């Protein structure tokens, strides 16, 4: 068992959350700890791990947009459709 000491403002917030959610104060505290633990686990993930669910879900319509991007970018620069910042 753990005891948590809260200042008046946090105690009032906890009571309000428990009342709004129809939970005990202990349930609200447990939910908050679980949420923080999940958030921390996610924040430690690599960019690839965070983006993995989205990789490959879009279709370019057969336009092969990822091919020859360097050439296309150079052409855009030459045409003036891209402005480089100083």
C-alpha atoms as a PDB file:
ATOM      1  CA  UNK A   1       0.000   0.000   0.000  1.00  0.00           C
ATOM      2  CA  UNK A   2       1.179   3.508  -0.832  1.00  0.00           C
ATOM      3  CA  UNK A   3       0.178   6.795   0.714  1.00  0.00           C
ATOM      4  CA  UNK A   4       0.180   9.945  -1.409  1.00  0.00           C
ATOM      5  CA  UNK A   5       0.153  13.434   0.049  1.00  0.00           C
ATOM      6  CA  UNK A   6      -1.538  16.071  -2.092  1.00  0.00           C
ATOM      7  CA  UNK A   7      -1.816  19.808  -1.714  1.00  0.00           C
ATOM      8  CA  UNK A   8      -5.307  21.297  -1.512  1.00  0.00           C
ATOM      9  CA  UNK A   9      -5.515  22.097  -5.225  1.00  0.00           C
ATOM     10  CA  UNK A  10      -4.563  18.564  -6.313  1.00  0.00           C
ATOM     11  CA  UNK A  11      -6.911  17.016  -3.750  1.00  0.00           C
ATOM     12  CA  UNK A  12      -9.768  19.132  -5.101  1.00  0.00           C
ATOM     13  CA  UNK A  13      -8.872  18.141  -8.670  1.00  0.00           C
ATOM     14  CA  UNK A  14      -8.715  14.468  -7.695  1.00  0.00           C
ATOM     15  CA  UNK A  15     -12.116  14.640  -6.005  1.00  0.00           C
ATOM     16  CA  UNK A  16     -13.644  16.387  -9.035  1.00  0.00           C
ATOM     17  CA  UNK A  17     -12.177  13.824 -11.467  1.00  0.00           C
ATOM     18  CA  UNK A  18     -13.388  10.912  -9.343  1.00  0.00           C
ATOM     19  CA  UNK A  19     -16.883  12.385  -9.152  1.00  0.00           C
ATOM     20  CA  UNK A  20     -17.022  13.151 -12.906  1.00  0.00           C
ATOM     21  CA  UNK A  21     -15.749   9.713 -13.876  1.00  0.00           C
ATOM     22  CA  UNK A  22     -17.789   7.810 -11.309  1.00  0.00           C
ATOM     23  CA  UNK A  23     -14.606   6.300  -9.862  1.00  0.00           C
ATOM     24  CA  UNK A  24     -12.894   6.173  -6.529  1.00  0.00           C
ATOM     25  CA  UNK A  25      -9.933   8.463  -5.962  1.00  0.00           C
ATOM     26  CA  UNK A  26      -7.712   5.373  -5.941  1.00  0.00           C
ATOM     27  CA  UNK A  27      -9.026   4.374  -9.387  1.00  0.00           C
ATOM     28  CA  UNK A  28      -8.269   7.837 -10.776  1.00  0.00           C
ATOM     29  CA  UNK A  29      -4.731   7.688  -9.389  1.00  0.00           C
ATOM     30  CA  UNK A  30      -4.180   4.189 -10.820  1.00  0.00           C
ATOM     31  CA  UNK A  31      -5.482   5.318 -14.233  1.00  0.00           C
ATOM     32  CA  UNK A  32      -3.161   8.323 -14.169  1.00  0.00           C
ATOM     33  CA  UNK A  33      -0.134   6.159 -13.340  1.00  0.00           C
ATOM     34  CA  UNK A  34      -1.021   3.675 -16.095  1.00  0.00           C
ATOM     35  CA  UNK A  35      -1.430   6.544 -18.570  1.00  0.00           C
ATOM     36  CA  UNK A  36       1.970   7.998 -17.634  1.00  0.00           C
ATOM     37  CA  UNK A  37       3.620   4.582 -17.921  1.00  0.00           C
ATOM     38  CA  UNK A  38       2.171   4.049 -21.443  1.00  0.00           C
ATOM     39  CA  UNK A  39       3.163   7.582 -22.455  1.00  0.00           C
ATOM     40  CA  UNK A  40       6.730   7.041 -21.250  1.00  0.00           C
ATOM     41  CA  UNK A  41       6.973   3.736 -23.107  1.00  0.00           C
ATOM     42  CA  UNK A  42       5.774   5.422 -26.309  1.00  0.00           C
ATOM     43  CA  UNK A  43       8.062   8.427 -25.941  1.00  0.00           C
ATOM     44  CA  UNK A  44      11.063   6.097 -25.748  1.00  0.00           C
ATOM     45  CA  UNK A  45      10.129   4.492 -29.054  1.00  0.00           C
ATOM     46  CA  UNK A  46      12.149   5.190 -32.154  1.00  0.00           C
ATOM     47  CA  UNK A  47      10.642   7.203 -34.986  1.00  0.00           C
ATOM     48  CA  UNK A  48      10.296   3.991 -36.978  1.00  0.00           C
ATOM     49  CA  UNK A  49       8.406   2.280 -34.163  1.00  0.00           C
ATOM     50  CA  UNK A  50       6.017   5.237 -33.834  1.00  0.00           C
ATOM     51  CA  UNK A  51       5.452   5.450 -37.598  1.00  0.00           C
ATOM     52  CA  UNK A  52       5.276   1.710 -38.321  1.00  0.00           C
ATOM     53  CA  UNK A  53       1.430   1.576 -38.245  1.00  0.00           C
ATOM     54  CA  UNK A  54       1.326   4.202 -41.014  1.00  0.00           C
ATOM     55  CA  UNK A  55       3.979   2.810 -43.350  1.00  0.00           C
ATOM     56  CA  UNK A  56       2.507   1.456 -46.547  1.00  0.00           C
ATOM     57  CA  UNK A  57      -1.096   2.524 -45.942  1.00  0.00           C
ATOM     58  CA  UNK A  58      -1.235   5.137 -48.719  1.00  0.00           C
ATOM     59  CA  UNK A  59      -1.288   4.482 -52.438  1.00  0.00           C
ATOM     60  CA  UNK A  60       0.282   6.961 -54.861  1.00  0.00           C
ATOM     61  CA  UNK A  61      -1.922   5.713 -57.657  1.00  0.00           C
ATOM     62  CA  UNK A  62       1.027   4.147 -59.446  1.00  0.00           C
ATOM     63  CA  UNK A  63       2.922   7.436 -59.781  1.00  0.00           C
ATOM     64  CA  UNK A  64       6.109   6.040 -58.179  1.00  0.00           C
ATOM     65  CA  UNK A  65       6.643   9.242 -56.236  1.00  0.00           C
ATOM     66  CA  UNK A  66       9.772   8.026 -54.453  1.00  0.00           C
ATOM     67  CA  UNK A  67      11.768   7.425 -57.633  1.00  0.00           C
ATOM     68  CA  UNK A  68      14.288   9.957 -58.882  1.00  0.00           C
ATOM     69  CA  UNK A  69      13.442  12.504 -56.211  1.00  0.00           C
ATOM     70  CA  UNK A  70      16.841  14.186 -56.543  1.00  0.00           C
ATOM     71  CA  UNK A  71      16.291  14.818 -60.254  1.00  0.00           C
ATOM     72  CA  UNK A  72      12.788  16.097 -59.663  1.00  0.00           C
ATOM     73  CA  UNK A  73      13.925  18.403 -56.883  1.00  0.00           C
ATOM     74  CA  UNK A  74      16.689  19.831 -59.113  1.00  0.00           C
ATOM     75  CA  UNK A  75      14.122  20.453 -61.851  1.00  0.00           C
ATOM     76  CA  UNK A  76      11.841  22.227 -59.389  1.00  0.00           C
ATOM     77  CA  UNK A  77      14.735  24.420 -58.274  1.00  0.00           C
ATOM     78  CA  UNK A  78      15.597  25.245 -61.888  1.00  0.00           C
ATOM     79  CA  UNK A  79      11.968  26.134 -62.646  1.00  0.00           C
ATOM     80  CA  UNK A  80      11.830  28.377 -59.561  1.00  0.00           C
ATOM     81  CA  UNK A  81       8.995  26.490 -57.928  1.00  0.00           C
ATOM     82  CA  UNK A  82      11.103  25.959 -54.789  1.00  0.00           C
ATOM     83  CA  UNK A  83      12.700  28.777 -52.837  1.00  0.00           C
ATOM     84  CA  UNK A  84      15.673  28.063 -50.601  1.00  0.00           C
ATOM     85  CA  UNK A  85      15.978  30.126 -47.446  1.00  0.00           C
ATOM     86  CA  UNK A  86      19.201  32.115 -46.945  1.00  0.00           C
END
